[in-house]
PDB file of N, CA and C in Angstrom:
ATOM      1  N   UNK A   1     112.840 124.931 109.900  1.00  0.00           N
ATOM      2  CA  UNK A   1     111.296 125.840 109.720  1.00  0.00           C
ATOM      3  C   UNK A   1     110.236 125.124 109.288  1.00  0.00           C
ATOM      4  N   UNK A   2     109.199 124.970 109.788  1.00  0.00           N
ATOM      5  CA  UNK A   2     108.204 124.219 109.348  1.00  0.00           C
ATOM      6  C   UNK A   2     107.452 124.158 108.282  1.00  0.00           C
ATOM      7  N   UNK A   3     107.699 125.633 107.500  1.00  0.00           N
ATOM      8  CA  UNK A   3     107.395 125.906 106.260  1.00  0.00           C
ATOM      9  C   UNK A   3     108.192 124.911 104.923  1.00  0.00           C
ATOM     10  N   UNK A   4     108.593 124.459 105.229  1.00  0.00           N
ATOM     11  CA  UNK A   4     109.586 123.480 104.262  1.00  0.00           C
ATOM     12  C   UNK A   4     108.690 122.732 103.562  1.00  0.00           C
ATOM     13  N   UNK A   5     108.548 122.007 102.771  1.00  0.00           N
ATOM     14  CA  UNK A   5     107.641 121.282 101.956  1.00  0.00           C
ATOM     15  C   UNK A   5     108.155 119.520 102.740  1.00  0.00           C
ATOM     16  N   UNK A   6     109.366 119.742 103.152  1.00  0.00           N
ATOM     17  CA  UNK A   6     109.616 118.256 103.562  1.00  0.00           C
ATOM     18  C   UNK A   6     109.477 118.187 105.334  1.00  0.00           C
ATOM     19  N   UNK A   7     108.938 119.115 105.735  1.00  0.00           N
ATOM     20  CA  UNK A   7     108.647 119.185 107.188  1.00  0.00           C
ATOM     21  C   UNK A   7     106.910 119.247 107.418  1.00  0.00           C
ATOM     22  N   UNK A   8     106.316 118.813 106.237  1.00  0.00           N
ATOM     23  CA  UNK A   8     104.700 118.857 106.155  1.00  0.00           C
ATOM     24  C   UNK A   8     104.362 117.464 105.830  1.00  0.00           C
ATOM     25  N   UNK A   9     103.342 117.252 106.685  1.00  0.00           N
ATOM     26  CA  UNK A   9     102.615 115.761 106.508  1.00  0.00           C
ATOM     27  C   UNK A   9     101.148 116.401 106.104  1.00  0.00           C
ATOM     28  N   UNK A  10     101.067 115.680 104.665  1.00  0.00           N
ATOM     29  CA  UNK A  10      99.527 116.166 103.918  1.00  0.00           C
ATOM     30  C   UNK A  10      98.672 115.065 104.045  1.00  0.00           C
ATOM     31  N   UNK A  11      97.565 114.857 105.119  1.00  0.00           N
ATOM     32  CA  UNK A  11      96.478 114.119 105.467  1.00  0.00           C
ATOM     33  C   UNK A  11      95.256 113.809 104.239  1.00  0.00           C
ATOM     34  N   UNK A  12      95.415 112.504 104.026  1.00  0.00           N
ATOM     35  CA  UNK A  12      94.567 112.218 102.669  1.00  0.00           C
ATOM     36  C   UNK A  12      93.467 110.918 102.910  1.00  0.00           C
ATOM     37  N   UNK A  13      93.385 110.097 102.243  1.00  0.00           N
ATOM     38  CA  UNK A  13      92.550 109.059 102.350  1.00  0.00           C
ATOM     39  C   UNK A  13      93.113 107.741 103.201  1.00  0.00           C
ATOM     40  N   UNK A  14      94.238 107.304 103.062  1.00  0.00           N
ATOM     41  CA  UNK A  14      95.408 106.593 103.671  1.00  0.00           C
ATOM     42  C   UNK A  14      94.937 106.472 105.123  1.00  0.00           C
ATOM     43  N   UNK A  15      95.345 105.018 105.655  1.00  0.00           N
ATOM     44  CA  UNK A  15      94.939 104.926 107.141  1.00  0.00           C
ATOM     45  C   UNK A  15      95.650 106.085 108.016  1.00  0.00           C
ATOM     46  N   UNK A  16      95.235 106.241 109.151  1.00  0.00           N
ATOM     47  CA  UNK A  16      95.803 107.188 110.191  1.00  0.00           C
ATOM     48  C   UNK A  16      97.313 106.551 110.501  1.00  0.00           C
ATOM     49  N   UNK A  17      97.410 105.218 110.760  1.00  0.00           N
ATOM     50  CA  UNK A  17      98.896 104.933 111.243  1.00  0.00           C
ATOM     51  C   UNK A  17      99.707 105.047 109.888  1.00  0.00           C
ATOM     52  N   UNK A  18      99.265 105.203 108.394  1.00  0.00           N
ATOM     53  CA  UNK A  18     100.402 105.684 107.409  1.00  0.00           C
ATOM     54  C   UNK A  18     100.903 107.334 107.956  1.00  0.00           C
ATOM     55  N   UNK A  19      99.994 108.012 108.566  1.00  0.00           N
ATOM     56  CA  UNK A  19     100.381 109.132 108.892  1.00  0.00           C
ATOM     57  C   UNK A  19     101.075 109.234 110.165  1.00  0.00           C
ATOM     58  N   UNK A  20     101.004 108.857 110.840  1.00  0.00           N
ATOM     59  CA  UNK A  20     101.673 108.756 112.134  1.00  0.00           C
ATOM     60  C   UNK A  20     102.943 108.407 112.093  1.00  0.00           C
ATOM     61  N   UNK A  21     103.451 107.164 111.063  1.00  0.00           N
ATOM     62  CA  UNK A  21     104.541 106.938 110.598  1.00  0.00           C
ATOM     63  C   UNK A  21     105.013 107.900 110.068  1.00  0.00           C
ATOM     64  N   UNK A  22     104.614 108.908 108.975  1.00  0.00           N
ATOM     65  CA  UNK A  22     105.536 109.591 108.497  1.00  0.00           C
ATOM     66  C   UNK A  22     105.842 110.706 109.518  1.00  0.00           C
ATOM     67  N   UNK A  23     105.008 111.203 110.382  1.00  0.00           N
ATOM     68  CA  UNK A  23     105.027 112.206 111.567  1.00  0.00           C
ATOM     69  C   UNK A  23     106.469 111.990 112.437  1.00  0.00           C
ATOM     70  N   UNK A  24     106.488 110.806 112.697  1.00  0.00           N
ATOM     71  CA  UNK A  24     107.227 110.028 113.655  1.00  0.00           C
ATOM     72  C   UNK A  24     108.757 109.670 112.759  1.00  0.00           C
ATOM     73  N   UNK A  25     108.784 109.789 111.820  1.00  0.00           N
ATOM     74  CA  UNK A  25     110.113 109.446 110.818  1.00  0.00           C
ATOM     75  C   UNK A  25     110.732 110.737 110.719  1.00  0.00           C
ATOM     76  N   UNK A  26     109.698 112.210 110.456  1.00  0.00           N
ATOM     77  CA  UNK A  26     110.189 113.459 110.407  1.00  0.00           C
ATOM     78  C   UNK A  26     110.657 113.600 112.131  1.00  0.00           C
ATOM     79  N   UNK A  27     110.342 113.448 112.642  1.00  0.00           N
ATOM     80  CA  UNK A  27     110.827 113.731 113.795  1.00  0.00           C
ATOM     81  C   UNK A  27     112.329 112.964 114.306  1.00  0.00           C
ATOM     82  N   UNK A  28     112.048 111.719 113.932  1.00  0.00           N
ATOM     83  CA  UNK A  28     113.203 110.565 114.145  1.00  0.00           C
ATOM     84  C   UNK A  28     114.453 111.138 113.206  1.00  0.00           C
ATOM     85  N   UNK A  29     114.454 112.247 112.060  1.00  0.00           N
ATOM     86  CA  UNK A  29     115.606 112.465 111.062  1.00  0.00           C
ATOM     87  C   UNK A  29     115.878 113.625 111.882  1.00  0.00           C
ATOM     88  N   UNK A  30     115.285 114.225 112.948  1.00  0.00           N
ATOM     89  CA  UNK A  30     116.070 115.678 113.644  1.00  0.00           C
ATOM     90  C   UNK A  30     115.498 117.015 113.426  1.00  0.00           C
ATOM     91  N   UNK A  31     114.117 116.792 112.728  1.00  0.00           N
ATOM     92  CA  UNK A  31     113.267 118.048 112.305  1.00  0.00           C
ATOM     93  C   UNK A  31     112.741 118.486 113.748  1.00  0.00           C
ATOM     94  N   UNK A  32     112.681 119.432 114.496  1.00  0.00           N
ATOM     95  CA  UNK A  32     112.486 120.280 115.309  1.00  0.00           C
ATOM     96  C   UNK A  32     110.895 120.444 115.448  1.00  0.00           C
ATOM     97  N   UNK A  33     110.226 120.433 113.967  1.00  0.00           N
ATOM     98  CA  UNK A  33     108.441 120.660 113.899  1.00  0.00           C
ATOM     99  C   UNK A  33     108.103 120.070 112.538  1.00  0.00           C
ATOM    100  N   UNK A  34     107.081 119.835 112.635  1.00  0.00           N
ATOM    101  CA  UNK A  34     106.329 119.176 111.573  1.00  0.00           C
ATOM    102  C   UNK A  34     104.814 119.636 111.390  1.00  0.00           C
ATOM    103  N   UNK A  35     104.577 120.141 110.099  1.00  0.00           N
ATOM    104  CA  UNK A  35     103.327 120.539 110.330  1.00  0.00           C
ATOM    105  C   UNK A  35     102.522 119.386 109.598  1.00  0.00           C
ATOM    106  N   UNK A  36     100.936 119.321 110.084  1.00  0.00           N
ATOM    107  CA  UNK A  36     100.180 118.473 109.711  1.00  0.00           C
ATOM    108  C   UNK A  36      99.432 119.181 109.220  1.00  0.00           C
ATOM    109  N   UNK A  37      98.816 118.768 107.919  1.00  0.00           N
ATOM    110  CA  UNK A  37      97.469 119.599 106.998  1.00  0.00           C
ATOM    111  C   UNK A  37      96.584 118.783 106.566  1.00  0.00           C
ATOM    112  N   UNK A  38      95.252 119.017 106.497  1.00  0.00           N
ATOM    113  CA  UNK A  38      94.293 118.228 106.136  1.00  0.00           C
ATOM    114  C   UNK A  38      93.051 119.663 105.482  1.00  0.00           C
ATOM    115  N   UNK A  39      92.182 118.972 104.456  1.00  0.00           N
ATOM    116  CA  UNK A  39      91.252 119.452 103.910  1.00  0.00           C
ATOM    117  C   UNK A  39      89.660 118.835 104.107  1.00  0.00           C
ATOM    118  N   UNK A  40      88.808 119.160 104.383  1.00  0.00           N
ATOM    119  CA  UNK A  40      87.345 119.048 104.483  1.00  0.00           C
ATOM    120  C   UNK A  40      87.411 117.687 105.515  1.00  0.00           C
ATOM    121  N   UNK A  41      87.166 116.754 104.833  1.00  0.00           N
ATOM    122  CA  UNK A  41      86.727 115.557 106.022  1.00  0.00           C
ATOM    123  C   UNK A  41      88.199 114.732 106.343  1.00  0.00           C
ATOM    124  N   UNK A  42      89.050 114.986 105.755  1.00  0.00           N
ATOM    125  CA  UNK A  42      90.605 114.842 106.439  1.00  0.00           C
ATOM    126  C   UNK A  42      90.574 115.142 107.774  1.00  0.00           C
ATOM    127  N   UNK A  43      90.319 116.366 108.148  1.00  0.00           N
ATOM    128  CA  UNK A  43      90.533 117.060 109.318  1.00  0.00           C
ATOM    129  C   UNK A  43      90.459 116.464 110.485  1.00  0.00           C
ATOM    130  N   UNK A  44      89.385 115.477 110.665  1.00  0.00           N
ATOM    131  CA  UNK A  44      89.360 114.595 112.035  1.00  0.00           C
ATOM    132  C   UNK A  44      90.578 113.468 112.022  1.00  0.00           C
ATOM    133  N   UNK A  45      91.005 113.190 110.912  1.00  0.00           N
ATOM    134  CA  UNK A  45      92.077 112.326 110.708  1.00  0.00           C
ATOM    135  C   UNK A  45      93.153 112.570 111.054  1.00  0.00           C
ATOM    136  N   UNK A  46      93.597 114.114 110.890  1.00  0.00           N
ATOM    137  CA  UNK A  46      94.857 114.940 111.222  1.00  0.00           C
ATOM    138  C   UNK A  46      94.367 114.967 112.606  1.00  0.00           C
ATOM    139  N   UNK A  47      93.718 115.138 113.403  1.00  0.00           N
ATOM    140  CA  UNK A  47      93.477 115.566 114.963  1.00  0.00           C
ATOM    141  C   UNK A  47      93.835 113.966 115.054  1.00  0.00           C
ATOM    142  N   UNK A  48      93.372 113.174 114.717  1.00  0.00           N
ATOM    143  CA  UNK A  48      93.703 111.538 115.111  1.00  0.00           C
ATOM    144  C   UNK A  48      95.215 111.253 115.057  1.00  0.00           C
ATOM    145  N   UNK A  49      95.729 111.722 113.961  1.00  0.00           N
ATOM    146  CA  UNK A  49      97.456 111.510 113.750  1.00  0.00           C
ATOM    147  C   UNK A  49      98.325 112.354 114.913  1.00  0.00           C
ATOM    148  N   UNK A  50      97.710 113.538 114.829  1.00  0.00           N
ATOM    149  CA  UNK A  50      98.291 114.187 116.093  1.00  0.00           C
ATOM    150  C   UNK A  50      98.269 113.802 117.494  1.00  0.00           C
ATOM    151  N   UNK A  51      96.991 113.358 118.256  1.00  0.00           N
ATOM    152  CA  UNK A  51      97.045 112.793 119.234  1.00  0.00           C
ATOM    153  C   UNK A  51      97.747 111.339 119.276  1.00  0.00           C
ATOM    154  N   UNK A  52      97.924 110.889 118.469  1.00  0.00           N
ATOM    155  CA  UNK A  52      98.158 109.221 118.269  1.00  0.00           C
ATOM    156  C   UNK A  52      99.650 109.700 118.364  1.00  0.00           C
ATOM    157  N   UNK A  53     100.394 110.616 117.932  1.00  0.00           N
ATOM    158  CA  UNK A  53     101.743 110.807 118.055  1.00  0.00           C
ATOM    159  C   UNK A  53     101.994 111.100 119.254  1.00  0.00           C
ATOM    160  N   UNK A  54     101.102 112.068 120.256  1.00  0.00           N
ATOM    161  CA  UNK A  54     101.557 112.880 121.346  1.00  0.00           C
ATOM    162  C   UNK A  54     101.505 111.968 122.000  1.00  0.00           C
ATOM    163  N   UNK A  55     100.465 111.044 122.455  1.00  0.00           N
ATOM    164  CA  UNK A  55     100.016 110.298 123.365  1.00  0.00           C
ATOM    165  C   UNK A  55     100.542 108.662 123.528  1.00  0.00           C
ATOM    166  N   UNK A  56     100.895 108.050 122.294  1.00  0.00           N
ATOM    167  CA  UNK A  56     101.414 106.859 122.071  1.00  0.00           C
ATOM    168  C   UNK A  56     102.935 106.650 121.452  1.00  0.00           C
ATOM    169  N   UNK A  57     103.100 107.526 120.725  1.00  0.00           N
ATOM    170  CA  UNK A  57     104.542 107.452 120.217  1.00  0.00           C
ATOM    171  C   UNK A  57     105.897 108.459 120.933  1.00  0.00           C
ATOM    172  N   UNK A  58     105.521 109.674 120.747  1.00  0.00           N
ATOM    173  CA  UNK A  58     106.244 110.955 121.152  1.00  0.00           C
ATOM    174  C   UNK A  58     105.601 111.608 122.308  1.00  0.00           C
ATOM    175  N   UNK A  59     105.786 111.106 123.752  1.00  0.00           N
ATOM    176  CA  UNK A  59     105.251 112.063 124.576  1.00  0.00           C
ATOM    177  C   UNK A  59     105.865 113.422 124.891  1.00  0.00           C
ATOM    178  N   UNK A  60     107.104 113.579 124.503  1.00  0.00           N
ATOM    179  CA  UNK A  60     107.579 115.216 124.426  1.00  0.00           C
ATOM    180  C   UNK A  60     106.922 116.095 123.585  1.00  0.00           C
ATOM    181  N   UNK A  61     106.187 115.635 122.491  1.00  0.00           N
ATOM    182  CA  UNK A  61     105.662 115.977 121.521  1.00  0.00           C
ATOM    183  C   UNK A  61     104.668 117.177 121.886  1.00  0.00           C
ATOM    184  N   UNK A  62     104.523 118.208 121.547  1.00  0.00           N
ATOM    185  CA  UNK A  62     103.804 119.535 121.609  1.00  0.00           C
ATOM    186  C   UNK A  62     103.144 120.153 120.419  1.00  0.00           C
ATOM    187  N   UNK A  63     101.812 120.339 120.758  1.00  0.00           N
ATOM    188  CA  UNK A  63     100.909 121.579 119.639  1.00  0.00           C
ATOM    189  C   UNK A  63     101.451 123.049 119.836  1.00  0.00           C
ATOM    190  N   UNK A  64     102.330 123.235 118.520  1.00  0.00           N
ATOM    191  CA  UNK A  64     103.182 124.417 118.886  1.00  0.00           C
ATOM    192  C   UNK A  64     101.797 125.851 118.459  1.00  0.00           C
ATOM    193  N   UNK A  65     101.161 125.125 117.327  1.00  0.00           N
ATOM    194  CA  UNK A  65     100.264 126.206 116.508  1.00  0.00           C
ATOM    195  C   UNK A  65      99.093 125.295 116.051  1.00  0.00           C
ATOM    196  N   UNK A  66      97.692 125.654 115.839  1.00  0.00           N
ATOM    197  CA  UNK A  66      96.821 125.567 115.193  1.00  0.00           C
ATOM    198  C   UNK A  66      95.952 126.668 114.478  1.00  0.00           C
ATOM    199  N   UNK A  67      96.250 126.498 113.117  1.00  0.00           N
ATOM    200  CA  UNK A  67      95.558 127.141 112.165  1.00  0.00           C
ATOM    201  C   UNK A  67      94.436 126.681 111.419  1.00  0.00           C
ATOM    202  N   UNK A  68      93.362 127.599 111.032  1.00  0.00           N
ATOM    203  CA  UNK A  68      91.969 126.803 110.359  1.00  0.00           C
ATOM    204  C   UNK A  68      91.813 128.274 109.504  1.00  0.00           C
ATOM    205  N   UNK A  69      91.112 127.444 108.606  1.00  0.00           N
ATOM    206  CA  UNK A  69      90.878 128.102 107.185  1.00  0.00           C
ATOM    207  C   UNK A  69      89.778 127.582 106.144  1.00  0.00           C
ATOM    208  N   UNK A  70      89.806 128.556 105.385  1.00  0.00           N
ATOM    209  CA  UNK A  70      88.999 128.045 104.448  1.00  0.00           C
ATOM    210  C   UNK A  70      89.075 128.314 103.226  1.00  0.00           C
ATOM    211  N   UNK A  71      89.520 127.508 102.240  1.00  0.00           N
ATOM    212  CA  UNK A  71      90.087 127.604 101.041  1.00  0.00           C
ATOM    213  C   UNK A  71      88.859 127.145  99.837  1.00  0.00           C
ATOM    214  N   UNK A  72      89.066 128.244  98.813  1.00  0.00           N
ATOM    215  CA  UNK A  72      88.302 127.565  97.577  1.00  0.00           C
ATOM    216  C   UNK A  72      89.095 127.060  96.578  1.00  0.00           C
ATOM    217  N   UNK A  73      88.680 125.936  95.799  1.00  0.00           N
ATOM    218  CA  UNK A  73      88.772 124.913  95.215  1.00  0.00           C
ATOM    219  C   UNK A  73      87.913 124.833  93.676  1.00  0.00           C
ATOM    220  N   UNK A  74      88.598 124.890  92.949  1.00  0.00           N
ATOM    221  CA  UNK A  74      87.856 125.441  91.276  1.00  0.00           C
ATOM    222  C   UNK A  74      87.755 123.683  90.987  1.00  0.00           C
ATOM    223  N   UNK A  75      86.289 123.421  90.563  1.00  0.00           N
ATOM    224  CA  UNK A  75      85.929 121.845  89.966  1.00  0.00           C
ATOM    225  C   UNK A  75      86.299 122.408  88.443  1.00  0.00           C
ATOM    226  N   UNK A  76      86.111 120.870  87.725  1.00  0.00           N
ATOM    227  CA  UNK A  76      86.102 120.994  86.026  1.00  0.00           C
ATOM    228  C   UNK A  76      85.554 121.898  85.332  1.00  0.00           C
ATOM    229  N   UNK A  77      83.899 121.938  86.740  1.00  0.00           N
ATOM    230  CA  UNK A  77      82.902 122.521  85.811  1.00  0.00           C
ATOM    231  C   UNK A  77      82.884 123.733  85.766  1.00  0.00           C
ATOM    232  N   UNK A  78      84.035 124.760  86.205  1.00  0.00           N
ATOM    233  CA  UNK A  78      84.168 126.175  86.788  1.00  0.00           C
ATOM    234  C   UNK A  78      83.821 126.328  87.763  1.00  0.00           C
ATOM    235  N   UNK A  79      82.885 125.835  88.505  1.00  0.00           N
ATOM    236  CA  UNK A  79      82.421 125.927  90.052  1.00  0.00           C
ATOM    237  C   UNK A  79      83.360 125.968  90.978  1.00  0.00           C
ATOM    238  N   UNK A  80      83.085 127.066  91.926  1.00  0.00           N
ATOM    239  CA  UNK A  80      84.088 127.187  92.981  1.00  0.00           C
ATOM    240  C   UNK A  80      83.123 126.311  94.286  1.00  0.00           C
ATOM    241  N   UNK A  81      83.997 125.686  94.899  1.00  0.00           N
ATOM    242  CA  UNK A  81      83.801 124.921  96.566  1.00  0.00           C
ATOM    243  C   UNK A  81      84.554 125.514  97.410  1.00  0.00           C
ATOM    244  N   UNK A  82      84.073 126.043  98.609  1.00  0.00           N
ATOM    245  CA  UNK A  82      84.888 126.095  99.637  1.00  0.00           C
ATOM    246  C   UNK A  82      84.973 124.993 100.508  1.00  0.00           C
ATOM    247  N   UNK A  83      86.253 124.951 101.095  1.00  0.00           N
ATOM    248  CA  UNK A  83      86.230 123.922 101.821  1.00  0.00           C
ATOM    249  C   UNK A  83      87.217 124.427 102.962  1.00  0.00           C
ATOM    250  N   UNK A  84      86.984 123.805 104.332  1.00  0.00           N
ATOM    251  CA  UNK A  84      87.711 124.081 105.526  1.00  0.00           C
ATOM    252  C   UNK A  84      89.077 123.160 105.624  1.00  0.00           C
ATOM    253  N   UNK A  85      90.211 124.157 105.883  1.00  0.00           N
ATOM    254  CA  UNK A  85      91.242 123.530 106.078  1.00  0.00           C
ATOM    255  C   UNK A  85      91.716 123.508 107.491  1.00  0.00           C
ATOM    256  N   UNK A  86      92.820 122.677 107.902  1.00  0.00           N
ATOM    257  CA  UNK A  86      93.473 122.880 109.349  1.00  0.00           C
ATOM    258  C   UNK A  86      95.024 122.448 109.277  1.00  0.00           C
ATOM    259  N   UNK A  87      95.799 123.034 109.899  1.00  0.00           N
ATOM    260  CA  UNK A  87      97.285 122.869 110.241  1.00  0.00           C
ATOM    261  C   UNK A  87      97.985 122.908 111.328  1.00  0.00           C
ATOM    262  N   UNK A  88      98.293 121.872 111.660  1.00  0.00           N
ATOM    263  CA  UNK A  88      98.615 121.649 113.279  1.00  0.00           C
ATOM    264  C   UNK A  88     100.252 121.707 113.288  1.00  0.00           C
ATOM    265  N   UNK A  89     100.783 122.383 113.721  1.00  0.00           N
ATOM    266  CA  UNK A  89     102.100 122.599 113.858  1.00  0.00           C
ATOM    267  C   UNK A  89     102.728 121.542 115.423  1.00  0.00           C
ATOM    268  N   UNK A  90     103.499 120.676 115.349  1.00  0.00           N
ATOM    269  CA  UNK A  90     103.906 119.830 116.386  1.00  0.00           C
ATOM    270  C   UNK A  90     105.341 120.388 116.469  1.00  0.00           C
ATOM    271  N   UNK A  91     105.749 120.209 117.591  1.00  0.00           N
ATOM    272  CA  UNK A  91     107.291 120.465 117.998  1.00  0.00           C
ATOM    273  C   UNK A  91     107.819 119.845 119.066  1.00  0.00           C
ATOM    274  N   UNK A  92     109.081 119.296 119.130  1.00  0.00           N
ATOM    275  CA  UNK A  92     109.639 118.622 120.120  1.00  0.00           C
ATOM    276  C   UNK A  92     110.989 119.791 120.970  1.00  0.00           C
TER     277      UNK A  92
END
């Protein structure tokens, strides 16, 4: 199942290829689905990771599902900010 923590790749501030390697490594261990998750400005990086995996490394990978949402994050000052989030589920 893609819901287990080991089948998820959280996109942050590292280079795109770091996350591509993480996704490819997950698939090479025999996992059938990997979920790429990102919030805010990292959403475009998540899309880049997905496209690079699909077109350059694992051509048999399909986008199974895309889920978008808005999450509320609380800052230290007590303010809550809304931030967009995306989950892209890839399968082989």
